[in-house]
Structures are given as C-alpha cells and as structure tokens.
C-alpha atoms as a PDB file:
ATOM      1  CA  GLN A   1      71.655 -93.795  81.092  1.00  0.00           C
ATOM      2  CA  VAL A   2      71.518 -97.544  81.633  1.00  0.00           C
ATOM      3  CA  GLN A   3      71.940 -98.759  85.183  1.00  0.00           C
ATOM      4  CA  LEU A   4      72.168-102.349  86.374  1.00  0.00           C
ATOM      5  CA  VAL A   5      71.646-102.896  90.090  1.00  0.00           C
ATOM      6  CA  GLU A   6      72.500-106.254  91.624  1.00  0.00           C
ATOM      7  CA  SER A   7      71.326-107.714  94.889  1.00  0.00           C
ATOM      8  CA  GLY A   8      71.238-111.045  96.674  1.00  0.00           C
ATOM      9  CA  GLY A   9      74.851-111.833  97.421  1.00  0.00           C
ATOM     10  CA  GLY A  10      76.069-113.012 100.777  1.00  0.00           C
ATOM     11  CA  LEU A  11      77.677-115.775 102.783  1.00  0.00           C
ATOM     12  CA  VAL A  12      76.464-119.347 102.442  1.00  0.00           C
ATOM     13  CA  GLN A  13      77.746-122.768 103.439  1.00  0.00           C
ATOM     14  CA  SER A  14      78.911-125.306 100.906  1.00  0.00           C
ATOM     15  CA  GLY A  15      75.903-127.007  99.327  1.00  0.00           C
ATOM     16  CA  GLY A  16      73.659-124.029  99.947  1.00  0.00           C
ATOM     17  CA  SER A  17      71.785-121.766  97.538  1.00  0.00           C
ATOM     18  CA  LEU A  18      71.547-118.092  96.699  1.00  0.00           C
ATOM     19  CA  ARG A  19      69.606-116.086  94.146  1.00  0.00           C
ATOM     20  CA  LEU A  20      71.081-112.978  92.633  1.00  0.00           C
ATOM     21  CA  SER A  21      68.932-110.309  91.024  1.00  0.00           C
ATOM     22  CA  CYS A  22      69.864-107.684  88.468  1.00  0.00           C
ATOM     23  CA  GLU A  23      67.381-104.900  87.826  1.00  0.00           C
ATOM     24  CA  SER A  24      67.813-102.817  84.707  1.00  0.00           C
ATOM     25  CA  SER A  25      66.786 -99.173  84.464  1.00  0.00           C
ATOM     26  CA  VAL A  26      65.560 -99.839  80.918  1.00  0.00           C
ATOM     27  CA  ASN A  27      63.518-102.551  79.277  1.00  0.00           C
ATOM     28  CA  ILE A  28      65.658-105.669  79.089  1.00  0.00           C
ATOM     29  CA  PHE A  29      64.654-106.200  75.467  1.00  0.00           C
ATOM     30  CA  THR A  30      66.887-103.199  74.804  1.00  0.00           C
ATOM     31  CA  PHE A  31      69.755-105.639  75.039  1.00  0.00           C
ATOM     32  CA  TYR A  32      70.791-108.578  72.918  1.00  0.00           C
ATOM     33  CA  ALA A  33      71.537-110.580  76.048  1.00  0.00           C
ATOM     34  CA  MET A  34      71.933-110.264  79.791  1.00  0.00           C
ATOM     35  CA  GLY A  35      73.814-112.424  82.180  1.00  0.00           C
ATOM     36  CA  TRP A  36      76.445-112.793  84.817  1.00  0.00           C
ATOM     37  CA  TYR A  37      80.211-112.785  85.095  1.00  0.00           C
ATOM     38  CA  ARG A  38      82.310-113.411  88.163  1.00  0.00           C
ATOM     39  CA  GLN A  39      85.759-112.518  89.390  1.00  0.00           C
ATOM     40  CA  GLY A  40      87.421-114.633  92.036  1.00  0.00           C
ATOM     41  CA  PRO A  41      90.157-113.536  94.471  1.00  0.00           C
ATOM     42  CA  ALA A  42      93.014-114.187  92.097  1.00  0.00           C
ATOM     43  CA  GLY A  43      91.424-114.633  88.712  1.00  0.00           C
ATOM     44  CA  GLN A  44      90.156-112.842  85.700  1.00  0.00           C
ATOM     45  CA  ARG A  45      86.517-111.976  85.208  1.00  0.00           C
ATOM     46  CA  GLU A  46      84.848-115.001  83.658  1.00  0.00           C
ATOM     47  CA  LEU A  47      81.475-115.636  82.092  1.00  0.00           C
ATOM     48  CA  VAL A  48      79.004-117.529  84.279  1.00  0.00           C
ATOM     49  CA  GLY A  49      76.054-117.560  81.907  1.00  0.00           C
ATOM     50  CA  LEU A  50      73.944-115.531  79.524  1.00  0.00           C
ATOM     51  CA  LEU A  51      70.280-115.295  78.598  1.00  0.00           C
ATOM     52  CA  THR A  52      69.516-113.931  75.132  1.00  0.00           C
ATOM     53  CA  ASN A  53      66.401-111.966  74.297  1.00  0.00           C
ATOM     54  CA  SER A  54      65.200-115.001  72.345  1.00  0.00           C
ATOM     55  CA  GLY A  55      65.302-117.071  75.517  1.00  0.00           C
ATOM     56  CA  ARG A  56      68.453-119.061  74.840  1.00  0.00           C
ATOM     57  CA  THR A  57      70.879-119.683  77.669  1.00  0.00           C
ATOM     58  CA  ASN A  58      74.479-120.749  77.857  1.00  0.00           C
ATOM     59  CA  TYR A  59      76.619-121.469  80.887  1.00  0.00           C
ATOM     60  CA  THR A  60      80.245-122.062  81.651  1.00  0.00           C
ATOM     61  CA  ASP A  61      80.908-125.750  82.219  1.00  0.00           C
ATOM     62  CA  SER A  62      81.658-125.441  85.926  1.00  0.00           C
ATOM     63  CA  VAL A  63      78.133-124.223  86.760  1.00  0.00           C
ATOM     64  CA  LYS A  64      76.039-126.317  84.375  1.00  0.00           C
ATOM     65  CA  GLY A  65      73.350-128.201  86.263  1.00  0.00           C
ATOM     66  CA  ARG A  66      73.750-125.981  89.328  1.00  0.00           C
ATOM     67  CA  PHE A  67      73.057-122.421  88.145  1.00  0.00           C
ATOM     68  CA  THR A  68      70.049-121.134  86.237  1.00  0.00           C
ATOM     69  CA  ILE A  69      69.496-117.745  84.622  1.00  0.00           C
ATOM     70  CA  SER A  70      65.981-116.455  84.143  1.00  0.00           C
ATOM     71  CA  GLY A  71      64.317-113.177  83.330  1.00  0.00           C
ATOM     72  CA  ASP A  72      61.191-111.242  84.280  1.00  0.00           C
ATOM     73  CA  ASN A  73      60.406-108.788  81.511  1.00  0.00           C
ATOM     74  CA  ALA A  74      57.730-107.012  83.525  1.00  0.00           C
ATOM     75  CA  LYS A  75      60.257-106.232  86.256  1.00  0.00           C
ATOM     76  CA  ASN A  76      63.202-105.621  83.904  1.00  0.00           C
ATOM     77  CA  THR A  77      65.096-108.068  86.061  1.00  0.00           C
ATOM     78  CA  VAL A  78      67.362-111.019  85.422  1.00  0.00           C
ATOM     79  CA  TYR A  79      68.047-113.635  88.062  1.00  0.00           C
ATOM     80  CA  LEU A  80      70.824-116.099  88.759  1.00  0.00           C
ATOM     81  CA  GLN A  81      69.691-119.036  90.855  1.00  0.00           C
ATOM     82  CA  MET A  82      72.731-120.774  92.318  1.00  0.00           C
ATOM     83  CA  ASN A  83      72.337-124.195  93.890  1.00  0.00           C
ATOM     84  CA  ASN A  84      74.832-126.585  95.428  1.00  0.00           C
ATOM     85  CA  LEU A  85      77.305-123.757  95.873  1.00  0.00           C
ATOM     86  CA  GLN A  86      80.934-124.691  96.379  1.00  0.00           C
ATOM     87  CA  PRO A  87      83.886-122.739  97.816  1.00  0.00           C
ATOM     88  CA  GLU A  88      85.282-122.294  94.314  1.00  0.00           C
ATOM     89  CA  ASP A  89      82.158-120.288  93.448  1.00  0.00           C
ATOM     90  CA  THR A  90      83.337-117.575  95.830  1.00  0.00           C
ATOM     91  CA  ALA A  91      83.663-114.393  93.782  1.00  0.00           C
ATOM     92  CA  VAL A  92      82.248-111.000  93.055  1.00  0.00           C
ATOM     93  CA  TYR A  93      79.377-111.525  90.633  1.00  0.00           C
ATOM     94  CA  TYR A  94      78.684-108.868  88.028  1.00  0.00           C
ATOM     95  CA  CYS A  95      75.530-108.375  86.041  1.00  0.00           C
ATOM     96  CA  ASN A  96      76.199-107.791  82.346  1.00  0.00           C
ATOM     97  CA  ALA A  97      74.078-106.526  79.480  1.00  0.00           C
ATOM     98  CA  LYS A  98      75.129-106.691  75.850  1.00  0.00           C
ATOM     99  CA  HIS A  99      74.016-103.983  73.482  1.00  0.00           C
ATOM    100  CA  ARG A 100      72.236-104.955  70.279  1.00  0.00           C
ATOM    101  CA  ARG A 101      74.656-102.866  68.248  1.00  0.00           C
ATOM    102  CA  VAL A 102      77.773-104.781  67.274  1.00  0.00           C
ATOM    103  CA  GLY A 103      80.869-103.221  68.776  1.00  0.00           C
ATOM    104  CA  ALA A 104      79.047-101.222  71.424  1.00  0.00           C
ATOM    105  CA  PRO A 105      80.444-101.597  74.950  1.00  0.00           C
ATOM    106  CA  ASP A 106      78.734-103.809  77.483  1.00  0.00           C
ATOM    107  CA  TYR A 107      76.916-102.460  80.503  1.00  0.00           C
ATOM    108  CA  TRP A 108      77.965-103.628  83.963  1.00  0.00           C
ATOM    109  CA  GLY A 109      76.536-103.642  87.434  1.00  0.00           C
ATOM    110  CA  GLN A 110      78.552-102.731  90.507  1.00  0.00           C
ATOM    111  CA  GLY A 111      79.059-106.334  91.600  1.00  0.00           C
ATOM    112  CA  THR A 112      77.837-108.352  94.546  1.00  0.00           C
ATOM    113  CA  GLN A 113      79.982-110.590  96.735  1.00  0.00           C
ATOM    114  CA  VAL A 114      79.213-114.283  97.051  1.00  0.00           C
ATOM    115  CA  THR A 115      81.204-116.191  99.641  1.00  0.00           C
ATOM    116  CA  VAL A 116      80.864-119.945 100.088  1.00  0.00           C
ATOM    117  CA  SER A 117      82.351-121.469 103.220  1.00  0.00           C
ATOM    118  CA  SER A 118      83.479-125.083 103.371  1.00  0.00           C
END
C-alpha cells in the first residue's frame, strides 16, 4: 500500500518562504513522476509542478521562478520549496505520484494547508 505523507504547511506573510515535504512509503523510483497540486478556496485542483524520475521538472506558469521541486531518493521524499509567496498561493497542497503503468490511478497525500497573509 502506497502512502504519501506531507508536512511543512503553515501560515506565512506575503514574500515569505515555506518548504513542503512529501515522504513516500515506497521507493520514489516506483513512480513515473512525483509532484504537487493545489486547491484554493473556490477553485479546482491544479498542477503546481512535477519532477519525473529522469530529473525533468515542469511548473505551472504562475509559480515559475518562485517554486522549486526536488527529490531525495535516499529518503524517498520530494520537496516543494516555495519562495516569494503571495496571497493567491493560499491553498491546500497535495502531494501526487504518478504510476509507471499507463492508465493506473494516481496516488495522493492527505493535503497540507498553506496560507499566505497580505
């Protein structure tokens, strides 16, 4: 059973930084990619960024240059470093892992709240 456990959310002022962590219960090379989605107060869940097992990253435009995804294979953990946070980044952030098998469902963490005050 795959489990993804997030940590690191909280309350921060505009312009501040946070680092989210997502620890997997299995080796992260099990997955094709891992990353982060977020869901704001009134919106749909949207992709923040992904890190593939080949080391490639992609980010949604609104976070490019501010957010960075990285991985630690030895700790089976993926991180999301968030800098220059803005109120519009306020959301519940979900860790996501994509199975190697095409068509298999994604794995999700429980979510961690990030709140940015102006």
